[in-house]
Amino acid sequence: MLLLPNDIIEIGVDEVGRGTLFGPVVAAAVILAPISDANSGEYEKIMDSKKISEKKREKIATFIHKEALAVGIGMASAAEIDEINILQATYLAMHRALDNIAANTANTNIVYDLIRVDGNKFKPYKDKKYECVVQGDAKYLSIAAASIVAKVYRDNFILENVATNSNLKIYDLQNNKGYGTAKHLAALKTHGPVEGHRFSFKPISQ
């Protein structure tokens, strides 16, 4: 099982979608309940979202939303990414996720001690203590949980966009979720980009 320190209350933060050609970058922030006999079995299933099948991710995300002390989600749109660059947009999405978790815990007695962030860069959030952890989603439960929540949320966001705008199917977004697959790149070459694409990203920007 990944690490979940029992001497502090921490928020795990992770993002998904930094490298896609379409759609937002999404961040999630998660405060997990302490490990107990009741939840340890499910906690053992939590790991880096990239190592879990889509079906399992959905089930684990449902468990996290139900059993976590708090969950927050934030995103930055493709237009915002083009305007301020992907790194700053990632920070923006993370801060929005933390704002969301603050709103969700405003009327509770939940107070956290540390923000633990996946990766090696983070823009300080207010006056809160934080720690960056390279490959944190493979080390800490809270970060892995955030990676799963963010991934499931973003995938569903893309699918909802395709469902309401069938023209997006020509880019095979329902399968690639915005990543630059061969089908996606071929469609871009034939049809060009549309709203929701990242015009500052290659090859769209070329």
N, C-alpha and C. Protein backbone atom coordinates (compact mmCIF):
# COMPACT_ATOMS: atom_id res chain seq x y z
N MET A 1 0.84 -1.20 0.00
CA MET A 1 0.00 0.00 0.00
C MET A 1 0.88 1.25 0.00
N LEU A 2 0.43 2.29 -0.71
CA LEU A 2 1.16 3.54 -0.73
C LEU A 2 1.07 4.24 0.62
N LEU A 3 1.89 5.25 0.80
CA LEU A 3 1.99 5.92 2.10
C LEU A 3 0.83 6.86 2.37
N LEU A 4 0.33 6.84 3.59
CA LEU A 4 -0.63 7.81 4.08
C LEU A 4 -0.28 8.10 5.54
N PRO A 5 0.56 9.11 5.79
CA PRO A 5 0.99 9.40 7.16
C PRO A 5 -0.20 9.60 8.09
N ASN A 6 -0.11 9.04 9.30
CA ASN A 6 -1.22 9.15 10.25
C ASN A 6 -1.01 10.23 11.29
N ASP A 7 0.13 10.95 11.19
CA ASP A 7 0.40 11.99 12.18
C ASP A 7 0.04 13.39 11.68
N ILE A 8 -0.38 13.50 10.41
CA ILE A 8 -0.81 14.78 9.86
C ILE A 8 -2.02 14.56 8.96
N ILE A 9 -2.72 15.65 8.68
CA ILE A 9 -3.78 15.62 7.67
C ILE A 9 -3.25 16.34 6.44
N GLU A 10 -3.20 15.62 5.33
CA GLU A 10 -2.61 16.19 4.12
C GLU A 10 -3.61 16.21 2.98
N ILE A 11 -3.41 17.16 2.09
CA ILE A 11 -4.14 17.20 0.82
C ILE A 11 -3.20 16.69 -0.26
N GLY A 12 -3.64 15.68 -0.99
CA GLY A 12 -2.89 15.23 -2.15
C GLY A 12 -3.38 15.96 -3.38
N VAL A 13 -2.47 16.45 -4.20
CA VAL A 13 -2.83 17.21 -5.40
C VAL A 13 -2.12 16.62 -6.62
N ASP A 14 -2.87 16.44 -7.69
CA ASP A 14 -2.29 15.97 -8.95
C ASP A 14 -3.11 16.52 -10.10
N GLU A 15 -2.52 16.49 -11.28
CA GLU A 15 -3.20 17.00 -12.48
C GLU A 15 -3.17 15.96 -13.58
N VAL A 16 -4.01 16.18 -14.57
CA VAL A 16 -4.03 15.32 -15.75
C VAL A 16 -4.35 16.19 -16.96
N GLY A 17 -3.78 15.82 -18.10
CA GLY A 17 -4.10 16.52 -19.34
C GLY A 17 -3.14 17.60 -19.74
N ARG A 18 -1.95 17.62 -19.17
CA ARG A 18 -0.99 18.67 -19.54
C ARG A 18 -0.55 18.53 -21.00
N GLY A 19 -0.44 17.31 -21.48
CA GLY A 19 0.12 17.10 -22.80
C GLY A 19 -0.88 16.90 -23.92
N THR A 20 -2.15 17.10 -23.66
CA THR A 20 -3.15 16.87 -24.70
C THR A 20 -3.23 18.04 -25.67
N LEU A 21 -3.81 17.79 -26.82
CA LEU A 21 -4.01 18.83 -27.83
C LEU A 21 -5.39 19.45 -27.73
N PHE A 22 -6.28 18.81 -26.98
CA PHE A 22 -7.66 19.29 -26.87
C PHE A 22 -8.10 19.22 -25.41
N GLY A 23 -8.87 20.22 -25.01
CA GLY A 23 -9.49 20.19 -23.70
C GLY A 23 -8.66 20.81 -22.59
N PRO A 24 -9.23 20.83 -21.39
CA PRO A 24 -8.60 21.50 -20.26
C PRO A 24 -7.53 20.65 -19.59
N VAL A 25 -6.74 21.30 -18.77
CA VAL A 25 -5.92 20.59 -17.79
C VAL A 25 -6.74 20.58 -16.51
N VAL A 26 -6.82 19.42 -15.88
CA VAL A 26 -7.67 19.23 -14.70
C VAL A 26 -6.82 18.82 -13.51
N ALA A 27 -7.09 19.41 -12.37
CA ALA A 27 -6.41 19.05 -11.13
C ALA A 27 -7.43 18.61 -10.09
N ALA A 28 -7.01 17.73 -9.22
CA ALA A 28 -7.85 17.30 -8.11
C ALA A 28 -7.06 17.42 -6.82
N ALA A 29 -7.77 17.69 -5.74
CA ALA A 29 -7.20 17.75 -4.40
C ALA A 29 -8.02 16.84 -3.51
N VAL A 30 -7.36 15.97 -2.76
CA VAL A 30 -8.07 14.96 -1.97
C VAL A 30 -7.50 14.88 -0.56
N ILE A 31 -8.40 14.88 0.42
CA ILE A 31 -8.04 14.58 1.80
C ILE A 31 -8.65 13.23 2.14
N LEU A 32 -7.82 12.23 2.32
CA LEU A 32 -8.30 10.89 2.64
C LEU A 32 -8.49 10.72 4.14
N ALA A 33 -9.46 9.89 4.50
CA ALA A 33 -9.63 9.51 5.90
C ALA A 33 -8.47 8.60 6.30
N PRO A 34 -8.10 8.59 7.57
CA PRO A 34 -7.01 7.70 8.01
C PRO A 34 -7.29 6.25 7.65
N ILE A 35 -6.23 5.49 7.46
CA ILE A 35 -6.37 4.06 7.15
C ILE A 35 -7.00 3.34 8.33
N SER A 36 -7.96 2.48 8.02
CA SER A 36 -8.63 1.69 9.05
C SER A 36 -8.93 0.31 8.50
N ASP A 37 -9.40 -0.58 9.35
CA ASP A 37 -9.78 -1.91 8.89
C ASP A 37 -10.90 -1.83 7.85
N ALA A 38 -11.75 -0.81 7.98
CA ALA A 38 -12.89 -0.68 7.09
C ALA A 38 -12.50 -0.25 5.68
N ASN A 39 -11.44 0.54 5.55
CA ASN A 39 -11.11 1.07 4.23
C ASN A 39 -9.80 0.55 3.64
N SER A 40 -9.05 -0.22 4.41
CA SER A 40 -7.72 -0.62 3.95
C SER A 40 -7.77 -1.45 2.66
N GLY A 41 -8.80 -2.27 2.53
CA GLY A 41 -8.92 -3.09 1.32
C GLY A 41 -9.08 -2.24 0.07
N GLU A 42 -9.90 -1.19 0.16
CA GLU A 42 -10.09 -0.30 -0.98
C GLU A 42 -8.87 0.59 -1.20
N TYR A 43 -8.24 1.00 -0.10
CA TYR A 43 -7.04 1.84 -0.23
C TYR A 43 -5.92 1.12 -0.97
N GLU A 44 -5.86 -0.19 -0.82
CA GLU A 44 -4.81 -0.96 -1.50
C GLU A 44 -4.99 -0.92 -3.03
N LYS A 45 -6.18 -0.58 -3.49
CA LYS A 45 -6.45 -0.51 -4.93
C LYS A 45 -6.06 0.84 -5.52
N ILE A 46 -5.81 1.82 -4.64
CA ILE A 46 -5.47 3.16 -5.11
C ILE A 46 -4.00 3.21 -5.52
N MET A 47 -3.77 3.60 -6.75
CA MET A 47 -2.41 3.75 -7.26
C MET A 47 -2.44 4.76 -8.40
N ASP A 48 -1.30 5.04 -8.97
CA ASP A 48 -1.18 5.97 -10.08
C ASP A 48 -2.25 5.66 -11.14
N SER A 49 -3.02 6.68 -11.52
CA SER A 49 -4.14 6.46 -12.44
C SER A 49 -3.71 5.85 -13.77
N LYS A 50 -2.46 6.09 -14.18
CA LYS A 50 -1.98 5.56 -15.46
C LYS A 50 -1.79 4.05 -15.42
N LYS A 51 -1.80 3.47 -14.23
CA LYS A 51 -1.57 2.03 -14.08
C LYS A 51 -2.87 1.25 -13.88
N ILE A 52 -4.01 1.93 -13.98
CA ILE A 52 -5.30 1.30 -13.71
C ILE A 52 -6.18 1.39 -14.95
N SER A 53 -6.94 0.34 -15.20
CA SER A 53 -7.85 0.35 -16.34
C SER A 53 -8.97 1.37 -16.12
N GLU A 54 -9.59 1.78 -17.21
CA GLU A 54 -10.65 2.79 -17.13
C GLU A 54 -11.79 2.33 -16.22
N LYS A 55 -12.18 1.08 -16.34
CA LYS A 55 -13.28 0.56 -15.53
C LYS A 55 -12.94 0.60 -14.04
N LYS A 56 -11.72 0.20 -13.70
CA LYS A 56 -11.30 0.21 -12.30
C LYS A 56 -11.17 1.63 -11.77
N ARG A 57 -10.68 2.54 -12.63
CA ARG A 57 -10.57 3.94 -12.22
C ARG A 57 -11.92 4.51 -11.82
N GLU A 58 -12.94 4.19 -12.61
CA GLU A 58 -14.29 4.69 -12.32
C GLU A 58 -14.76 4.21 -10.94
N LYS A 59 -14.55 2.93 -10.66
CA LYS A 59 -14.98 2.37 -9.38
C LYS A 59 -14.21 2.99 -8.22
N ILE A 60 -12.90 3.13 -8.39
CA ILE A 60 -12.08 3.69 -7.31
C ILE A 60 -12.42 5.16 -7.10
N ALA A 61 -12.66 5.90 -8.18
CA ALA A 61 -13.03 7.31 -8.06
C ALA A 61 -14.34 7.46 -7.29
N THR A 62 -15.29 6.58 -7.55
CA THR A 62 -16.56 6.60 -6.82
C THR A 62 -16.32 6.37 -5.33
N PHE A 63 -15.45 5.41 -5.01
CA PHE A 63 -15.10 5.14 -3.61
C PHE A 63 -14.45 6.37 -2.97
N ILE A 64 -13.53 7.00 -3.68
CA ILE A 64 -12.83 8.17 -3.13
C ILE A 64 -13.82 9.30 -2.85
N HIS A 65 -14.69 9.58 -3.80
CA HIS A 65 -15.68 10.64 -3.59
C HIS A 65 -16.58 10.35 -2.39
N LYS A 66 -16.88 9.08 -2.20
CA LYS A 66 -17.78 8.69 -1.11
C LYS A 66 -17.09 8.70 0.25
N GLU A 67 -15.86 8.24 0.31
CA GLU A 67 -15.20 7.99 1.59
C GLU A 67 -14.16 9.04 2.00
N ALA A 68 -13.69 9.84 1.08
CA ALA A 68 -12.69 10.86 1.42
C ALA A 68 -13.28 11.90 2.35
N LEU A 69 -12.44 12.50 3.16
CA LEU A 69 -12.90 13.60 4.02
C LEU A 69 -13.31 14.79 3.17
N ALA A 70 -12.61 15.00 2.06
CA ALA A 70 -12.95 16.10 1.16
C ALA A 70 -12.28 15.89 -0.20
N VAL A 71 -12.96 16.38 -1.24
CA VAL A 71 -12.43 16.32 -2.60
C VAL A 71 -12.67 17.68 -3.26
N GLY A 72 -11.67 18.16 -3.99
CA GLY A 72 -11.83 19.39 -4.75
C GLY A 72 -11.33 19.18 -6.17
N ILE A 73 -11.98 19.83 -7.12
CA ILE A 73 -11.59 19.72 -8.53
C ILE A 73 -11.48 21.12 -9.13
N GLY A 74 -10.47 21.31 -9.95
CA GLY A 74 -10.30 22.58 -10.65
C GLY A 74 -9.75 22.33 -12.04
N MET A 75 -10.04 23.24 -12.95
CA MET A 75 -9.48 23.07 -14.28
C MET A 75 -9.19 24.42 -14.92
N ALA A 76 -8.34 24.39 -15.92
CA ALA A 76 -8.04 25.56 -16.74
C ALA A 76 -8.32 25.17 -18.18
N SER A 77 -9.05 26.01 -18.87
CA SER A 77 -9.50 25.70 -20.22
C SER A 77 -8.38 25.78 -21.25
N ALA A 78 -8.66 25.26 -22.43
CA ALA A 78 -7.69 25.34 -23.52
C ALA A 78 -7.37 26.79 -23.84
N ALA A 79 -8.38 27.66 -23.79
CA ALA A 79 -8.15 29.08 -24.06
C ALA A 79 -7.23 29.69 -23.01
N GLU A 80 -7.42 29.31 -21.76
CA GLU A 80 -6.55 29.82 -20.70
C GLU A 80 -5.12 29.29 -20.87
N ILE A 81 -5.01 28.04 -21.28
CA ILE A 81 -3.69 27.45 -21.54
C ILE A 81 -2.97 28.25 -22.63
N ASP A 82 -3.69 28.58 -23.70
CA ASP A 82 -3.10 29.35 -24.79
C ASP A 82 -2.69 30.75 -24.33
N GLU A 83 -3.45 31.29 -23.40
CA GLU A 83 -3.20 32.67 -22.95
C GLU A 83 -2.02 32.76 -21.98
N ILE A 84 -1.91 31.81 -21.05
CA ILE A 84 -0.91 31.96 -19.97
C ILE A 84 0.16 30.88 -19.97
N ASN A 85 0.09 29.91 -20.83
CA ASN A 85 0.98 28.75 -21.02
C ASN A 85 0.57 27.60 -20.10
N ILE A 86 1.00 26.41 -20.44
CA ILE A 86 0.51 25.20 -19.78
C ILE A 86 0.97 25.12 -18.33
N LEU A 87 2.18 25.59 -18.02
CA LEU A 87 2.65 25.51 -16.64
C LEU A 87 1.80 26.40 -15.73
N GLN A 88 1.59 27.65 -16.15
CA GLN A 88 0.79 28.56 -15.33
C GLN A 88 -0.66 28.09 -15.25
N ALA A 89 -1.16 27.50 -16.34
CA ALA A 89 -2.52 26.97 -16.33
C ALA A 89 -2.65 25.78 -15.39
N THR A 90 -1.59 24.98 -15.29
CA THR A 90 -1.59 23.86 -14.35
C THR A 90 -1.65 24.38 -12.92
N TYR A 91 -0.85 25.39 -12.61
CA TYR A 91 -0.92 26.01 -11.28
C TYR A 91 -2.33 26.54 -11.02
N LEU A 92 -2.92 27.18 -12.03
CA LEU A 92 -4.26 27.74 -11.89
C LEU A 92 -5.27 26.64 -11.58
N ALA A 93 -5.19 25.53 -12.30
CA ALA A 93 -6.11 24.41 -12.06
C ALA A 93 -5.92 23.85 -10.65
N MET A 94 -4.67 23.73 -10.21
CA MET A 94 -4.39 23.23 -8.86
C MET A 94 -4.95 24.17 -7.80
N HIS A 95 -4.76 25.47 -7.98
CA HIS A 95 -5.29 26.44 -7.02
C HIS A 95 -6.81 26.42 -7.01
N ARG A 96 -7.42 26.24 -8.16
CA ARG A 96 -8.89 26.14 -8.21
C ARG A 96 -9.37 24.88 -7.49
N ALA A 97 -8.62 23.79 -7.62
CA ALA A 97 -8.97 22.57 -6.88
C ALA A 97 -8.87 22.80 -5.38
N LEU A 98 -7.84 23.52 -4.96
CA LEU A 98 -7.67 23.83 -3.54
C LEU A 98 -8.74 24.81 -3.06
N ASP A 99 -9.11 25.77 -3.91
CA ASP A 99 -10.23 26.66 -3.57
C ASP A 99 -11.51 25.86 -3.40
N ASN A 100 -11.71 24.88 -4.27
CA ASN A 100 -12.90 24.04 -4.22
C ASN A 100 -12.95 23.21 -2.95
N ILE A 101 -11.80 22.65 -2.57
CA ILE A 101 -11.77 21.85 -1.35
C ILE A 101 -11.95 22.74 -0.12
N ALA A 102 -11.46 23.97 -0.19
CA ALA A 102 -11.67 24.91 0.92
C ALA A 102 -13.16 25.23 1.07
N ALA A 103 -13.83 25.42 -0.06
CA ALA A 103 -15.27 25.68 -0.01
C ALA A 103 -16.03 24.47 0.52
N ASN A 104 -15.59 23.28 0.14
CA ASN A 104 -16.27 22.06 0.56
C ASN A 104 -16.05 21.74 2.03
N THR A 105 -15.03 22.32 2.64
CA THR A 105 -14.74 22.06 4.06
C THR A 105 -14.99 23.27 4.94
N ALA A 106 -15.58 24.32 4.36
CA ALA A 106 -15.75 25.58 5.08
C ALA A 106 -16.57 25.43 6.36
N ASN A 107 -17.56 24.58 6.32
CA ASN A 107 -18.45 24.42 7.49
C ASN A 107 -18.16 23.13 8.26
N THR A 108 -16.92 22.68 8.18
CA THR A 108 -16.51 21.48 8.90
C THR A 108 -15.35 21.83 9.83
N ASN A 109 -14.91 20.84 10.59
CA ASN A 109 -13.75 21.05 11.47
C ASN A 109 -12.48 20.46 10.85
N ILE A 110 -12.51 20.21 9.54
CA ILE A 110 -11.35 19.65 8.86
C ILE A 110 -10.29 20.74 8.65
N VAL A 111 -9.13 20.52 9.19
CA VAL A 111 -8.01 21.44 9.03
C VAL A 111 -6.81 20.61 8.57
N TYR A 112 -6.19 21.00 7.47
CA TYR A 112 -5.08 20.21 6.95
C TYR A 112 -3.74 20.86 7.30
N ASP A 113 -2.72 20.02 7.37
CA ASP A 113 -1.38 20.47 7.76
C ASP A 113 -0.45 20.69 6.58
N LEU A 114 -0.72 20.00 5.47
CA LEU A 114 0.25 19.99 4.38
C LEU A 114 -0.44 19.74 3.05
N ILE A 115 0.03 20.43 2.01
CA ILE A 115 -0.37 20.13 0.64
C ILE A 115 0.77 19.34 0.01
N ARG A 116 0.47 18.13 -0.41
CA ARG A 116 1.50 17.29 -1.03
C ARG A 116 1.19 17.18 -2.52
N VAL A 117 2.11 17.67 -3.35
CA VAL A 117 1.87 17.85 -4.78
C VAL A 117 2.74 16.90 -5.60
N ASP A 118 2.13 16.30 -6.61
CA ASP A 118 2.91 15.45 -7.52
C ASP A 118 3.79 16.32 -8.42
N GLY A 119 5.05 15.91 -8.59
CA GLY A 119 5.96 16.65 -9.46
C GLY A 119 6.98 17.45 -8.69
N ASN A 120 7.69 18.30 -9.41
CA ASN A 120 8.76 19.08 -8.77
C ASN A 120 8.52 20.58 -8.79
N LYS A 121 7.32 21.00 -9.22
CA LYS A 121 7.02 22.43 -9.26
C LYS A 121 5.61 22.70 -8.75
N PHE A 122 5.49 23.81 -8.02
CA PHE A 122 4.18 24.22 -7.51
C PHE A 122 4.24 25.71 -7.20
N LYS A 123 3.18 26.40 -7.49
CA LYS A 123 3.07 27.81 -7.12
C LYS A 123 2.43 27.90 -5.75
N PRO A 124 3.10 28.50 -4.78
CA PRO A 124 2.56 28.54 -3.41
C PRO A 124 1.10 28.97 -3.37
N TYR A 125 0.36 28.28 -2.51
CA TYR A 125 -1.07 28.54 -2.36
C TYR A 125 -1.29 29.24 -1.03
N LYS A 126 -1.63 30.52 -1.11
CA LYS A 126 -1.85 31.33 0.10
C LYS A 126 -0.63 31.18 1.00
N ASP A 127 -0.84 30.88 2.26
CA ASP A 127 0.31 30.72 3.17
C ASP A 127 0.45 29.27 3.61
N LYS A 128 -0.08 28.35 2.81
CA LYS A 128 -0.13 26.95 3.20
C LYS A 128 1.21 26.25 2.95
N LYS A 129 1.56 25.37 3.86
CA LYS A 129 2.78 24.58 3.72
C LYS A 129 2.57 23.53 2.64
N TYR A 130 3.59 23.32 1.81
CA TYR A 130 3.46 22.32 0.75
C TYR A 130 4.77 21.58 0.54
N GLU A 131 4.65 20.44 -0.11
CA GLU A 131 5.81 19.63 -0.47
C GLU A 131 5.60 19.05 -1.86
N CYS A 132 6.58 19.20 -2.73
CA CYS A 132 6.54 18.59 -4.06
C CYS A 132 7.21 17.23 -4.00
N VAL A 133 6.59 16.24 -4.62
CA VAL A 133 7.13 14.88 -4.60
C VAL A 133 7.18 14.35 -6.03
N VAL A 134 8.38 14.13 -6.55
CA VAL A 134 8.53 13.56 -7.88
C VAL A 134 7.98 12.13 -7.88
N GLN A 135 7.14 11.82 -8.85
CA GLN A 135 6.45 10.52 -8.92
C GLN A 135 5.65 10.28 -7.64
N GLY A 136 5.07 11.34 -7.14
CA GLY A 136 4.30 11.24 -5.90
C GLY A 136 3.09 10.34 -5.99
N ASP A 137 2.54 10.20 -7.22
CA ASP A 137 1.37 9.33 -7.38
C ASP A 137 1.74 7.86 -7.26
N ALA A 138 3.03 7.56 -7.21
CA ALA A 138 3.49 6.18 -7.00
C ALA A 138 4.00 5.98 -5.57
N LYS A 139 3.87 7.04 -4.75
CA LYS A 139 4.41 6.96 -3.39
C LYS A 139 3.36 7.25 -2.31
N TYR A 140 2.47 8.20 -2.57
CA TYR A 140 1.53 8.64 -1.54
C TYR A 140 0.08 8.38 -1.98
N LEU A 141 -0.69 7.83 -1.06
CA LEU A 141 -2.09 7.52 -1.34
C LEU A 141 -2.88 8.74 -1.74
N SER A 142 -2.68 9.84 -1.02
CA SER A 142 -3.48 11.03 -1.29
C SER A 142 -3.23 11.57 -2.69
N ILE A 143 -1.98 11.54 -3.15
CA ILE A 143 -1.67 12.01 -4.50
C ILE A 143 -2.22 11.04 -5.54
N ALA A 144 -2.07 9.75 -5.30
CA ALA A 144 -2.62 8.75 -6.23
C ALA A 144 -4.13 8.89 -6.33
N ALA A 145 -4.78 9.14 -5.20
CA ALA A 145 -6.24 9.34 -5.20
C ALA A 145 -6.60 10.57 -6.03
N ALA A 146 -5.82 11.63 -5.89
CA ALA A 146 -6.07 12.84 -6.67
C ALA A 146 -5.87 12.58 -8.16
N SER A 147 -4.89 11.77 -8.51
CA SER A 147 -4.64 11.47 -9.92
C SER A 147 -5.82 10.72 -10.53
N ILE A 148 -6.41 9.82 -9.75
CA ILE A 148 -7.56 9.04 -10.23
C ILE A 148 -8.78 9.94 -10.40
N VAL A 149 -9.05 10.77 -9.39
CA VAL A 149 -10.20 11.68 -9.46
C VAL A 149 -10.07 12.63 -10.64
N ALA A 150 -8.88 13.18 -10.83
CA ALA A 150 -8.66 14.12 -11.94
C ALA A 150 -8.82 13.44 -13.29
N LYS A 151 -8.28 12.24 -13.42
CA LYS A 151 -8.35 11.51 -14.68
C LYS A 151 -9.78 11.16 -15.05
N VAL A 152 -10.53 10.65 -14.10
CA VAL A 152 -11.93 10.27 -14.36
C VAL A 152 -12.76 11.50 -14.70
N TYR A 153 -12.54 12.58 -13.94
CA TYR A 153 -13.30 13.81 -14.20
C TYR A 153 -13.01 14.34 -15.60
N ARG A 154 -11.74 14.38 -15.96
CA ARG A 154 -11.38 14.93 -17.28
C ARG A 154 -11.90 14.05 -18.42
N ASP A 155 -11.74 12.74 -18.28
CA ASP A 155 -12.24 11.83 -19.31
C ASP A 155 -13.73 12.03 -19.53
N ASN A 156 -14.48 12.12 -18.43
CA ASN A 156 -15.93 12.30 -18.54
C ASN A 156 -16.27 13.67 -19.12
N PHE A 157 -15.48 14.67 -18.80
CA PHE A 157 -15.68 16.01 -19.36
C PHE A 157 -15.55 15.96 -20.89
N ILE A 158 -14.53 15.28 -21.37
CA ILE A 158 -14.33 15.16 -22.82
C ILE A 158 -15.48 14.39 -23.46
N LEU A 159 -15.89 13.29 -22.83
CA LEU A 159 -16.98 12.48 -23.38
C LEU A 159 -18.28 13.28 -23.43
N GLU A 160 -18.53 14.11 -22.43
CA GLU A 160 -19.73 14.95 -22.43
C GLU A 160 -19.68 15.98 -23.55
N ASN A 161 -18.48 16.51 -23.82
CA ASN A 161 -18.32 17.45 -24.92
C ASN A 161 -18.63 16.79 -26.25
N VAL A 162 -18.14 15.57 -26.43
CA VAL A 162 -18.39 14.84 -27.67
C VAL A 162 -19.88 14.51 -27.81
N ALA A 163 -20.51 14.17 -26.69
CA ALA A 163 -21.93 13.82 -26.72
C ALA A 163 -22.80 15.01 -27.12
N THR A 164 -22.39 16.21 -26.75
CA THR A 164 -23.18 17.40 -27.08
C THR A 164 -22.75 18.05 -28.39
N ASN A 165 -21.62 17.62 -28.93
CA ASN A 165 -21.14 18.15 -30.22
C ASN A 165 -20.56 17.00 -31.02
N SER A 166 -21.40 16.36 -31.79
CA SER A 166 -21.00 15.15 -32.52
C SER A 166 -19.90 15.42 -33.54
N ASN A 167 -19.72 16.68 -33.94
CA ASN A 167 -18.65 17.00 -34.89
C ASN A 167 -17.27 16.69 -34.32
N LEU A 168 -17.17 16.64 -33.00
CA LEU A 168 -15.88 16.36 -32.37
C LEU A 168 -15.45 14.91 -32.58
N LYS A 169 -16.38 14.07 -32.99
CA LYS A 169 -16.04 12.66 -33.19
C LYS A 169 -15.03 12.47 -34.31
N ILE A 170 -14.96 13.42 -35.23
CA ILE A 170 -14.00 13.25 -36.32
C ILE A 170 -12.56 13.27 -35.81
N TYR A 171 -12.36 13.83 -34.61
CA TYR A 171 -11.03 13.84 -34.01
C TYR A 171 -10.79 12.63 -33.11
N ASP A 172 -11.79 11.74 -33.04
CA ASP A 172 -11.70 10.52 -32.22
C ASP A 172 -11.46 10.84 -30.74
N LEU A 173 -12.01 11.97 -30.30
CA LEU A 173 -11.81 12.40 -28.91
C LEU A 173 -12.43 11.43 -27.91
N GLN A 174 -13.49 10.74 -28.34
CA GLN A 174 -14.14 9.79 -27.44
C GLN A 174 -13.20 8.66 -27.05
N ASN A 175 -12.16 8.45 -27.84
CA ASN A 175 -11.18 7.41 -27.54
C ASN A 175 -9.84 7.97 -27.06
N ASN A 176 -9.37 9.04 -27.69
CA ASN A 176 -8.04 9.55 -27.33
C ASN A 176 -8.06 10.59 -26.21
N LYS A 177 -9.26 11.08 -25.87
CA LYS A 177 -9.42 12.06 -24.77
C LYS A 177 -8.59 13.32 -24.99
N GLY A 178 -8.27 13.60 -26.23
CA GLY A 178 -7.55 14.83 -26.54
C GLY A 178 -6.08 14.66 -26.81
N TYR A 179 -5.55 13.47 -26.57
CA TYR A 179 -4.13 13.23 -26.82
C TYR A 179 -3.86 13.13 -28.32
N GLY A 180 -2.61 13.36 -28.70
CA GLY A 180 -2.24 13.43 -30.11
C GLY A 180 -2.00 12.09 -30.75
N THR A 181 -3.02 11.28 -30.85
CA THR A 181 -2.91 9.98 -31.51
C THR A 181 -2.85 10.17 -33.02
N ALA A 182 -2.56 9.08 -33.72
CA ALA A 182 -2.48 9.14 -35.18
C ALA A 182 -3.80 9.62 -35.79
N LYS A 183 -4.92 9.10 -35.29
CA LYS A 183 -6.23 9.50 -35.81
C LYS A 183 -6.50 10.98 -35.55
N HIS A 184 -6.15 11.43 -34.36
CA HIS A 184 -6.37 12.83 -34.00
C HIS A 184 -5.53 13.75 -34.89
N LEU A 185 -4.27 13.40 -35.08
CA LEU A 185 -3.38 14.21 -35.90
C LEU A 185 -3.83 14.23 -37.36
N ALA A 186 -4.29 13.08 -37.85
CA ALA A 186 -4.78 13.01 -39.23
C ALA A 186 -6.00 13.90 -39.42
N ALA A 187 -6.90 13.88 -38.44
CA ALA A 187 -8.11 14.71 -38.52
C ALA A 187 -7.76 16.20 -38.45
N LEU A 188 -6.78 16.54 -37.64
CA LEU A 188 -6.34 17.94 -37.58
C LEU A 188 -5.79 18.39 -38.92
N LYS A 189 -5.05 17.51 -39.57
CA LYS A 189 -4.46 17.84 -40.87
C LYS A 189 -5.54 18.04 -41.93
N THR A 190 -6.61 17.23 -41.83
CA THR A 190 -7.69 17.29 -42.82
C THR A 190 -8.67 18.42 -42.53
N HIS A 191 -9.08 18.54 -41.28
CA HIS A 191 -10.17 19.45 -40.92
C HIS A 191 -9.73 20.71 -40.18
N GLY A 192 -8.51 20.70 -39.67
CA GLY A 192 -8.05 21.84 -38.88
C GLY A 192 -8.59 21.78 -37.46
N PRO A 193 -8.12 22.65 -36.59
CA PRO A 193 -8.58 22.66 -35.19
C PRO A 193 -9.90 23.39 -35.03
N VAL A 194 -10.54 23.14 -33.89
CA VAL A 194 -11.79 23.82 -33.53
C VAL A 194 -11.66 24.35 -32.11
N GLU A 195 -12.69 25.05 -31.67
CA GLU A 195 -12.70 25.54 -30.29
C GLU A 195 -12.53 24.36 -29.33
N GLY A 196 -11.66 24.53 -28.37
CA GLY A 196 -11.34 23.44 -27.46
C GLY A 196 -9.96 22.87 -27.71
N HIS A 197 -9.46 23.07 -28.92
CA HIS A 197 -8.07 22.70 -29.21
C HIS A 197 -7.13 23.76 -28.63
N ARG A 198 -5.90 23.34 -28.39
CA ARG A 198 -4.89 24.25 -27.85
C ARG A 198 -4.06 24.80 -29.02
N PHE A 199 -4.37 26.02 -29.39
CA PHE A 199 -3.76 26.61 -30.58
C PHE A 199 -2.29 26.96 -30.38
N SER A 200 -1.84 26.96 -29.14
CA SER A 200 -0.43 27.25 -28.86
C SER A 200 0.43 25.99 -28.89
N PHE A 201 -0.20 24.83 -29.03
CA PHE A 201 0.53 23.56 -29.03
C PHE A 201 0.86 23.12 -30.45
N LYS A 202 2.04 22.55 -30.63
CA LYS A 202 2.40 21.93 -31.90
C LYS A 202 1.67 20.60 -32.01
N PRO A 203 1.23 20.18 -33.21
CA PRO A 203 1.45 20.83 -34.51
C PRO A 203 0.41 21.89 -34.86
N ILE A 204 -0.57 22.14 -33.96
CA ILE A 204 -1.64 23.09 -34.28
C ILE A 204 -1.08 24.48 -34.52
N SER A 205 -0.07 24.85 -33.75
CA SER A 205 0.50 26.20 -33.84
C SER A 205 1.36 26.41 -35.08
N GLN A 206 1.69 25.34 -35.77
CA GLN A 206 2.60 25.45 -36.92
C GLN A 206 1.86 25.84 -38.20
